[in-house]
C-alpha cells in the first residue's frame, strides 16, 4: 500500500513539475 501511495504521489509531483515548466 505504501508503495502504491508513493507511486501516485510521484506521478502527481511529476505532473505539477511538467505544468510548471509549461507555465
N, C-alpha and C. Protein backbone atom coordinates (compact mmCIF):
# COMPACT_ATOMS: atom_id res chain seq x y z
N UNK A 1 0.84 -1.20 0.00
CA UNK A 1 0.00 0.00 0.00
C UNK A 1 0.88 1.26 0.00
N UNK A 2 1.92 1.19 0.82
CA UNK A 2 2.81 2.36 0.90
C UNK A 2 3.42 2.64 -0.47
N UNK A 3 3.85 1.57 -1.15
CA UNK A 3 4.48 1.74 -2.45
C UNK A 3 3.50 2.38 -3.43
N UNK A 4 2.25 1.92 -3.39
CA UNK A 4 1.25 2.45 -4.31
C UNK A 4 1.07 3.95 -4.06
N UNK A 5 1.00 4.33 -2.79
CA UNK A 5 0.81 5.73 -2.43
C UNK A 5 2.00 6.56 -2.92
N UNK A 6 3.19 6.03 -2.74
CA UNK A 6 4.39 6.75 -3.17
C UNK A 6 4.38 6.94 -4.67
N UNK A 7 4.00 5.89 -5.40
CA UNK A 7 3.97 5.98 -6.85
C UNK A 7 2.98 7.05 -7.29
N UNK A 8 1.81 7.07 -6.68
CA UNK A 8 0.79 8.06 -7.03
C UNK A 8 1.31 9.47 -6.76
N UNK A 9 1.96 9.63 -5.60
CA UNK A 9 2.49 10.95 -5.24
C UNK A 9 3.55 11.39 -6.24
N UNK A 10 4.41 10.45 -6.63
CA UNK A 10 5.46 10.79 -7.60
C UNK A 10 4.85 11.21 -8.92
N UNK A 11 3.82 10.49 -9.37
CA UNK A 11 3.18 10.82 -10.64
C UNK A 11 2.57 12.22 -10.56
N UNK A 12 1.90 12.51 -9.45
CA UNK A 12 1.26 13.82 -9.28
C UNK A 12 2.33 14.90 -9.27
N UNK A 13 3.43 14.68 -8.55
CA UNK A 13 4.51 15.66 -8.47
C UNK A 13 5.11 15.91 -9.86
N UNK A 14 5.26 14.83 -10.62
CA UNK A 14 5.81 14.96 -11.97
C UNK A 14 4.88 15.79 -12.84
N UNK A 15 3.57 15.57 -12.70
CA UNK A 15 2.59 16.33 -13.49
C UNK A 15 2.68 17.81 -13.15
N UNK A 16 2.77 18.12 -11.86
CA UNK A 16 2.87 19.51 -11.43
C UNK A 16 4.16 20.13 -11.96
N UNK A 17 5.25 19.38 -11.88
CA UNK A 17 6.54 19.87 -12.36
C UNK A 17 6.47 20.19 -13.85
N UNK A 18 5.82 19.29 -14.61
CA UNK A 18 5.68 19.50 -16.06
C UNK A 18 4.85 20.75 -16.33
N UNK A 19 3.78 20.93 -15.56
CA UNK A 19 2.92 22.10 -15.73
C UNK A 19 3.72 23.37 -15.43
N UNK A 20 4.57 23.31 -14.41
CA UNK A 20 5.38 24.47 -14.04
C UNK A 20 6.32 24.86 -15.20
N UNK A 21 6.88 23.85 -15.86
CA UNK A 21 7.79 24.12 -16.99
C UNK A 21 7.01 24.79 -18.12
N UNK A 22 5.81 24.29 -18.37
CA UNK A 22 4.98 24.87 -19.43
C UNK A 22 4.66 26.32 -19.12
N UNK A 23 4.33 26.58 -17.85
CA UNK A 23 3.99 27.95 -17.47
C UNK A 23 5.25 28.81 -17.46
